[in-house]
Amino acid sequence: MKQTKTWALTILIASIGTAGAYWLTARQSAREAAERSLASVTQLTSAADAAIRAAPGDAHALFASSLDNLAGQSVKLSQYKGKTLIVNFWASWCPPCIAEMPELSRFYKDHAGKGVEMVGIAIDNPTSVRHFLKEHNVSYPVLLGGMGGADLSIKLGDSQGGLPFTVVIAPNGKIVYQKLGQTSYTELQDHLPGKPS
């Protein structure tokens, strides 16, 4: 009987040891798999970020477009050809869009009449845009893009279709700067065409 208890205890201890070793191995394997997965996601995110920055875009699509202003009048964007143009795609429901507006307004005020034009294209419904602009002071012209404006931002290089999205177009029609996400006065200043590097 004593020998049976000893064997049972030995088997129990061996079983617990085996189960513990199995659990530790499984846990280590799960951790390694999670680390490999995280590394893959990081690589994909870095590649996607590079693709966003590198998306060339086509300013011809912009200059071939007409959008309504807040009064409902059609504005041909070809009127901006041959000028330095900053285009900012935004929406009233987009917090980073709203956060960057004071800097964009200040930039426009400082550069208006000096060969730099700016236009905001609202990816929003007209009623929301008009209501928003009654509450927020925006110094630059705003056009109503709606969902067609979202398509236009993609043609200009916004491969994600995200907001805010800003481009700087040189007088020769070449896109010299693109940014998906909140931009600043300094970033715009640093990317004006003809500015020494």
C-alpha atoms as a PDB file:
ATOM      1  CA  MET A   1       0.000   0.000   0.000  1.00  0.00           C
ATOM      2  CA  LYS A   2       2.830   2.315   0.916  1.00  0.00           C
ATOM      3  CA  GLN A   3       4.525   1.507  -2.363  1.00  0.00           C
ATOM      4  CA  THR A   4       1.301   2.229  -4.308  1.00  0.00           C
ATOM      5  CA  LYS A   5       0.999   5.632  -2.642  1.00  0.00           C
ATOM      6  CA  THR A   6       4.630   6.396  -3.479  1.00  0.00           C
ATOM      7  CA  TRP A   7       4.084   5.443  -7.133  1.00  0.00           C
ATOM      8  CA  ALA A   8       0.865   7.469  -7.280  1.00  0.00           C
ATOM      9  CA  LEU A   9       2.632  10.462  -5.754  1.00  0.00           C
ATOM     10  CA  THR A  10       5.551  10.065  -8.193  1.00  0.00           C
ATOM     11  CA  ILE A  11       3.154   9.862 -11.160  1.00  0.00           C
ATOM     12  CA  LEU A  12       1.235  12.901  -9.871  1.00  0.00           C
ATOM     13  CA  ILE A  13       4.433  14.945  -9.486  1.00  0.00           C
ATOM     14  CA  ALA A  14       5.664  13.851 -12.924  1.00  0.00           C
ATOM     15  CA  SER A  15       2.289  14.762 -14.450  1.00  0.00           C
ATOM     16  CA  ILE A  16       2.318  18.189 -12.826  1.00  0.00           C
ATOM     17  CA  GLY A  17       5.904  18.710 -13.996  1.00  0.00           C
ATOM     18  CA  THR A  18       5.029  17.645 -17.554  1.00  0.00           C
ATOM     19  CA  ALA A  19       1.926  19.862 -17.600  1.00  0.00           C
ATOM     20  CA  GLY A  20       3.953  22.785 -16.261  1.00  0.00           C
ATOM     21  CA  ALA A  21       6.652  22.306 -18.888  1.00  0.00           C
ATOM     22  CA  TYR A  22       3.990  22.070 -21.608  1.00  0.00           C
ATOM     23  CA  TRP A  23       2.301  25.243 -20.324  1.00  0.00           C
ATOM     24  CA  LEU A  24       5.598  27.178 -20.257  1.00  0.00           C
ATOM     25  CA  THR A  25       6.480  25.994 -23.771  1.00  0.00           C
ATOM     26  CA  ALA A  26       3.027  26.935 -25.087  1.00  0.00           C
ATOM     27  CA  ARG A  27       3.238  30.328 -23.408  1.00  0.00           C
ATOM     28  CA  GLN A  28       6.697  30.984 -24.876  1.00  0.00           C
ATOM     29  CA  SER A  29       5.480  29.922 -28.341  1.00  0.00           C
ATOM     30  CA  ALA A  30       2.460  32.227 -28.051  1.00  0.00           C
ATOM     31  CA  ARG A  31       4.718  35.114 -26.996  1.00  0.00           C
ATOM     32  CA  GLU A  32       7.087  34.473 -29.925  1.00  0.00           C
ATOM     33  CA  ALA A  33       4.130  34.273 -32.330  1.00  0.00           C
ATOM     34  CA  ALA A  34       2.769  37.565 -30.973  1.00  0.00           C
ATOM     35  CA  GLU A  35       6.189  39.207 -31.368  1.00  0.00           C
ATOM     36  CA  ARG A  36       6.459  37.936 -34.972  1.00  0.00           C
ATOM     37  CA  SER A  37       2.944  39.200 -35.677  1.00  0.00           C
ATOM     38  CA  LEU A  38       3.746  42.611 -34.184  1.00  0.00           C
ATOM     39  CA  ALA A  39       6.924  42.830 -36.278  1.00  0.00           C
ATOM     40  CA  SER A  40       4.896  42.046 -39.413  1.00  0.00           C
ATOM     41  CA  VAL A  41       2.296  44.693 -38.566  1.00  0.00           C
ATOM     42  CA  THR A  42       5.055  47.239 -37.909  1.00  0.00           C
ATOM     43  CA  GLN A  43       6.653  46.462 -41.285  1.00  0.00           C
ATOM     44  CA  LEU A  44       3.285  46.760 -43.060  1.00  0.00           C
ATOM     45  CA  THR A  45       2.512  50.040 -41.285  1.00  0.00           C
ATOM     46  CA  SER A  46       5.922  51.450 -42.240  1.00  0.00           C
ATOM     47  CA  ALA A  47       5.397  50.375 -45.847  1.00  0.00           C
ATOM     48  CA  ALA A  48       1.918  51.917 -45.882  1.00  0.00           C
ATOM     49  CA  ASP A  49       3.249  55.178 -44.402  1.00  0.00           C
ATOM     50  CA  ALA A  50       5.957  55.279 -47.070  1.00  0.00           C
ATOM     51  CA  ALA A  51       3.352  54.653 -49.767  1.00  0.00           C
ATOM     52  CA  ILE A  52       1.215  57.505 -48.452  1.00  0.00           C
ATOM     53  CA  ARG A  53       4.178  59.884 -48.509  1.00  0.00           C
ATOM     54  CA  ALA A  54       5.293  58.651 -51.916  1.00  0.00           C
ATOM     55  CA  ALA A  55       1.909  58.701 -53.684  1.00  0.00           C
ATOM     56  CA  PRO A  56       2.618  61.034 -56.602  1.00  0.00           C
ATOM     57  CA  GLY A  57      -0.852  62.479 -57.232  1.00  0.00           C
ATOM     58  CA  ASP A  58      -2.023  64.370 -60.290  1.00  0.00           C
ATOM     59  CA  ALA A  59      -2.808  68.098 -60.135  1.00  0.00           C
ATOM     60  CA  HIS A  60      -4.473  67.918 -63.581  1.00  0.00           C
ATOM     61  CA  ALA A  61      -7.504  66.290 -61.944  1.00  0.00           C
ATOM     62  CA  LEU A  62      -7.816  69.295 -59.630  1.00  0.00           C
ATOM     63  CA  PHE A  63      -7.516  71.894 -62.384  1.00  0.00           C
ATOM     64  CA  ALA A  64     -10.112  70.058 -64.491  1.00  0.00           C
ATOM     65  CA  SER A  65     -12.650  70.273 -61.633  1.00  0.00           C
ATOM     66  CA  SER A  66     -15.338  72.751 -60.678  1.00  0.00           C
ATOM     67  CA  LEU A  67     -16.799  72.903 -57.176  1.00  0.00           C
ATOM     68  CA  ASP A  68     -19.471  75.068 -55.588  1.00  0.00           C
ATOM     69  CA  ASN A  69     -18.599  77.819 -53.153  1.00  0.00           C
ATOM     70  CA  LEU A  70     -20.696  78.530 -50.056  1.00  0.00           C
ATOM     71  CA  ALA A  71     -23.071  80.712 -52.100  1.00  0.00           C
ATOM     72  CA  GLY A  72     -23.749  77.797 -54.453  1.00  0.00           C
ATOM     73  CA  GLN A  73     -21.794  79.293 -57.367  1.00  0.00           C
ATOM     74  CA  SER A  74     -19.563  77.019 -59.431  1.00  0.00           C
ATOM     75  CA  VAL A  75     -15.841  77.765 -59.151  1.00  0.00           C
ATOM     76  CA  LYS A  76     -13.440  76.470 -61.806  1.00  0.00           C
ATOM     77  CA  LEU A  77     -10.259  75.365 -60.119  1.00  0.00           C
ATOM     78  CA  SER A  78      -8.351  76.062 -63.329  1.00  0.00           C
ATOM     79  CA  GLN A  79      -8.271  79.692 -62.121  1.00  0.00           C
ATOM     80  CA  TYR A  80      -5.447  78.620 -59.784  1.00  0.00           C
ATOM     81  CA  LYS A  81      -3.184  77.309 -62.565  1.00  0.00           C
ATOM     82  CA  GLY A  82       0.202  79.010 -62.679  1.00  0.00           C
ATOM     83  CA  LYS A  83       0.112  79.944 -58.981  1.00  0.00           C
ATOM     84  CA  THR A  84       1.414  78.310 -55.845  1.00  0.00           C
ATOM     85  CA  LEU A  85      -1.678  76.613 -54.456  1.00  0.00           C
ATOM     86  CA  ILE A  86      -2.306  74.977 -51.099  1.00  0.00           C
ATOM     87  CA  VAL A  87      -5.323  72.664 -51.049  1.00  0.00           C
ATOM     88  CA  ASN A  88      -6.643  71.354 -47.740  1.00  0.00           C
ATOM     89  CA  PHE A  89      -9.302  68.627 -47.644  1.00  0.00           C
ATOM     90  CA  TRP A  90     -11.274  68.666 -44.400  1.00  0.00           C
ATOM     91  CA  ALA A  91     -14.619  67.938 -42.723  1.00  0.00           C
ATOM     92  CA  SER A  92     -16.542  69.515 -39.859  1.00  0.00           C
ATOM     93  CA  TRP A  93     -16.565  66.195 -37.962  1.00  0.00           C
ATOM     94  CA  CYS A  94     -12.754  65.747 -38.151  1.00  0.00           C
ATOM     95  CA  PRO A  95     -10.927  66.906 -34.950  1.00  0.00           C
ATOM     96  CA  PRO A  96      -7.432  67.210 -36.550  1.00  0.00           C
ATOM     97  CA  CYS A  97      -8.990  69.206 -39.409  1.00  0.00           C
ATOM     98  CA  ILE A  98     -10.482  71.652 -36.930  1.00  0.00           C
ATOM     99  CA  ALA A  99      -7.264  71.816 -34.893  1.00  0.00           C
ATOM    100  CA  GLU A 100      -5.161  72.877 -37.910  1.00  0.00           C
ATOM    101  CA  MET A 101      -7.562  75.572 -39.169  1.00  0.00           C
ATOM    102  CA  PRO A 102      -6.183  78.478 -37.086  1.00  0.00           C
ATOM    103  CA  GLU A 103      -2.673  77.814 -38.464  1.00  0.00           C
ATOM    104  CA  LEU A 104      -3.997  77.524 -42.024  1.00  0.00           C
ATOM    105  CA  SER A 105      -5.925  80.793 -41.609  1.00  0.00           C
ATOM    106  CA  ARG A 106      -2.854  82.562 -40.237  1.00  0.00           C
ATOM    107  CA  PHE A 107      -0.713  81.188 -43.073  1.00  0.00           C
ATOM    108  CA  TYR A 108      -3.246  82.378 -45.653  1.00  0.00           C
ATOM    109  CA  LYS A 109      -3.434  85.872 -44.113  1.00  0.00           C
ATOM    110  CA  ASP A 110       0.373  86.145 -44.083  1.00  0.00           C
ATOM    111  CA  HIS A 111       0.778  84.978 -47.705  1.00  0.00           C
ATOM    112  CA  ALA A 112      -2.343  86.283 -49.483  1.00  0.00           C
ATOM    113  CA  GLY A 113      -1.404  88.608 -52.317  1.00  0.00           C
ATOM    114  CA  LYS A 114       2.165  87.249 -52.363  1.00  0.00           C
ATOM    115  CA  GLY A 115       1.661  84.620 -55.056  1.00  0.00           C
ATOM    116  CA  VAL A 116       0.291  81.940 -52.727  1.00  0.00           C
ATOM    117  CA  GLU A 117      -3.336  80.813 -52.929  1.00  0.00           C
ATOM    118  CA  MET A 118      -5.170  78.491 -50.562  1.00  0.00           C
ATOM    119  CA  VAL A 119      -8.479  76.692 -50.792  1.00  0.00           C
ATOM    120  CA  GLY A 120     -10.219  74.382 -48.360  1.00  0.00           C
ATOM    121  CA  ILE A 121     -12.328  71.608 -49.875  1.00  0.00           C
ATOM    122  CA  ALA A 122     -14.975  70.352 -47.466  1.00  0.00           C
ATOM    123  CA  ILE A 123     -15.727  66.635 -47.635  1.00  0.00           C
ATOM    124  CA  ASP A 124     -19.032  67.172 -45.901  1.00  0.00           C
ATOM    125  CA  ASN A 125     -22.631  68.101 -46.632  1.00  0.00           C
ATOM    126  CA  PRO A 126     -23.243  71.793 -47.435  1.00  0.00           C
ATOM    127  CA  THR A 127     -25.510  72.426 -44.432  1.00  0.00           C
ATOM    128  CA  SER A 128     -22.910  71.120 -41.964  1.00  0.00           C
ATOM    129  CA  VAL A 129     -20.163  73.164 -43.631  1.00  0.00           C
ATOM    130  CA  ARG A 130     -22.164  76.404 -43.546  1.00  0.00           C
ATOM    131  CA  HIS A 131     -23.127  75.858 -39.899  1.00  0.00           C
ATOM    132  CA  PHE A 132     -19.525  75.025 -38.973  1.00  0.00           C
ATOM    133  CA  LEU A 133     -18.130  78.129 -40.690  1.00  0.00           C
ATOM    134  CA  LYS A 134     -20.594  80.374 -38.820  1.00  0.00           C
ATOM    135  CA  GLU A 135     -18.996  79.125 -35.596  1.00  0.00           C
ATOM    136  CA  HIS A 136     -15.330  79.060 -36.744  1.00  0.00           C
ATOM    137  CA  ASN A 137     -13.321  81.857 -38.323  1.00  0.00           C
ATOM    138  CA  VAL A 138     -11.658  80.601 -41.531  1.00  0.00           C
ATOM    139  CA  SER A 139      -9.866  83.228 -43.634  1.00  0.00           C
ATOM    140  CA  TYR A 140      -9.289  81.224 -46.836  1.00  0.00           C
ATOM    141  CA  PRO A 141     -11.890  80.278 -49.477  1.00  0.00           C
ATOM    142  CA  VAL A 142     -13.855  77.083 -48.832  1.00  0.00           C
ATOM    143  CA  LEU A 143     -15.431  74.977 -51.560  1.00  0.00           C
ATOM    144  CA  LEU A 144     -17.982  72.203 -51.179  1.00  0.00           C
ATOM    145  CA  GLY A 145     -16.484  68.925 -52.297  1.00  0.00           C
ATOM    146  CA  GLY A 146     -18.864  66.322 -50.896  1.00  0.00           C
ATOM    147  CA  MET A 147     -17.974  62.754 -51.851  1.00  0.00           C
ATOM    148  CA  GLY A 148     -16.616  63.974 -55.197  1.00  0.00           C
ATOM    149  CA  GLY A 149     -14.078  65.902 -53.137  1.00  0.00           C
ATOM    150  CA  ALA A 150     -12.971  62.647 -51.510  1.00  0.00           C
ATOM    151  CA  ASP A 151     -12.351  61.184 -54.972  1.00  0.00           C
ATOM    152  CA  LEU A 152     -10.387  64.299 -55.874  1.00  0.00           C
ATOM    153  CA  SER A 153      -8.185  63.970 -52.774  1.00  0.00           C
ATOM    154  CA  ILE A 154      -7.380  60.391 -53.790  1.00  0.00           C
ATOM    155  CA  LYS A 155      -6.389  61.580 -57.276  1.00  0.00           C
ATOM    156  CA  LEU A 156      -4.056  64.097 -55.622  1.00  0.00           C
ATOM    157  CA  GLY A 157      -2.275  61.300 -53.746  1.00  0.00           C
ATOM    158  CA  ASP A 158      -4.400  60.600 -50.651  1.00  0.00           C
ATOM    159  CA  SER A 159      -4.277  56.837 -51.137  1.00  0.00           C
ATOM    160  CA  GLN A 160      -5.952  56.263 -47.751  1.00  0.00           C
ATOM    161  CA  GLY A 161      -8.817  58.702 -48.359  1.00  0.00           C
ATOM    162  CA  GLY A 162      -8.175  60.104 -44.862  1.00  0.00           C
ATOM    163  CA  LEU A 163      -8.565  63.618 -43.482  1.00  0.00           C
ATOM    164  CA  PRO A 164      -7.139  66.132 -43.202  1.00  0.00           C
ATOM    165  CA  PHE A 165      -5.120  65.927 -46.404  1.00  0.00           C
ATOM    166  CA  THR A 166      -3.054  68.860 -47.660  1.00  0.00           C
ATOM    167  CA  VAL A 167      -1.126  69.360 -50.890  1.00  0.00           C
ATOM    168  CA  VAL A 168       1.086  72.173 -52.119  1.00  0.00           C
ATOM    169  CA  ILE A 169       1.123  72.621 -55.888  1.00  0.00           C
ATOM    170  CA  ALA A 170       3.870  74.647 -57.571  1.00  0.00           C
ATOM    171  CA  PRO A 171       3.084  77.150 -60.352  1.00  0.00           C
ATOM    172  CA  ASN A 172       4.251  74.538 -62.907  1.00  0.00           C
ATOM    173  CA  GLY A 173       1.458  72.200 -61.704  1.00  0.00           C
ATOM    174  CA  LYS A 174       3.762  69.789 -59.879  1.00  0.00           C
ATOM    175  CA  ILE A 175       2.702  68.567 -56.440  1.00  0.00           C
ATOM    176  CA  VAL A 176       5.642  69.434 -54.183  1.00  0.00           C
ATOM    177  CA  TYR A 177       4.185  68.458 -50.802  1.00  0.00           C
ATOM    178  CA  GLN A 178       1.506  66.094 -49.524  1.00  0.00           C
ATOM    179  CA  LYS A 179       0.470  65.409 -45.966  1.00  0.00           C
ATOM    180  CA  LEU A 180      -2.150  63.080 -44.612  1.00  0.00           C
ATOM    181  CA  GLY A 181      -2.837  64.325 -41.092  1.00  0.00           C
ATOM    182  CA  GLN A 182      -2.694  67.638 -39.299  1.00  0.00           C
ATOM    183  CA  THR A 183      -0.279  70.124 -40.866  1.00  0.00           C
ATOM    184  CA  SER A 184       1.217  73.326 -39.490  1.00  0.00           C
ATOM    185  CA  TYR A 185       2.262  76.815 -40.536  1.00  0.00           C
ATOM    186  CA  THR A 186       5.940  75.789 -40.386  1.00  0.00           C
ATOM    187  CA  GLU A 187       5.429  72.696 -42.542  1.00  0.00           C
ATOM    188  CA  LEU A 188       3.646  74.738 -45.198  1.00  0.00           C
ATOM    189  CA  GLN A 189       6.314  77.447 -45.056  1.00  0.00           C
ATOM    190  CA  ASP A 190       9.066  74.848 -45.411  1.00  0.00           C
ATOM    191  CA  HIS A 191       7.448  73.343 -48.512  1.00  0.00           C
ATOM    192  CA  LEU A 192       6.663  76.453 -50.524  1.00  0.00           C
ATOM    193  CA  PRO A 193       8.111  76.148 -54.036  1.00  0.00           C
ATOM    194  CA  GLY A 194      11.259  78.173 -54.600  1.00  0.00           C
ATOM    195  CA  LYS A 195      12.178  78.191 -50.909  1.00  0.00           C
ATOM    196  CA  PRO A 196      15.880  77.385 -50.449  1.00  0.00           C
ATOM    197  CA  SER A 197      16.494  73.997 -48.787  1.00  0.00           C
END
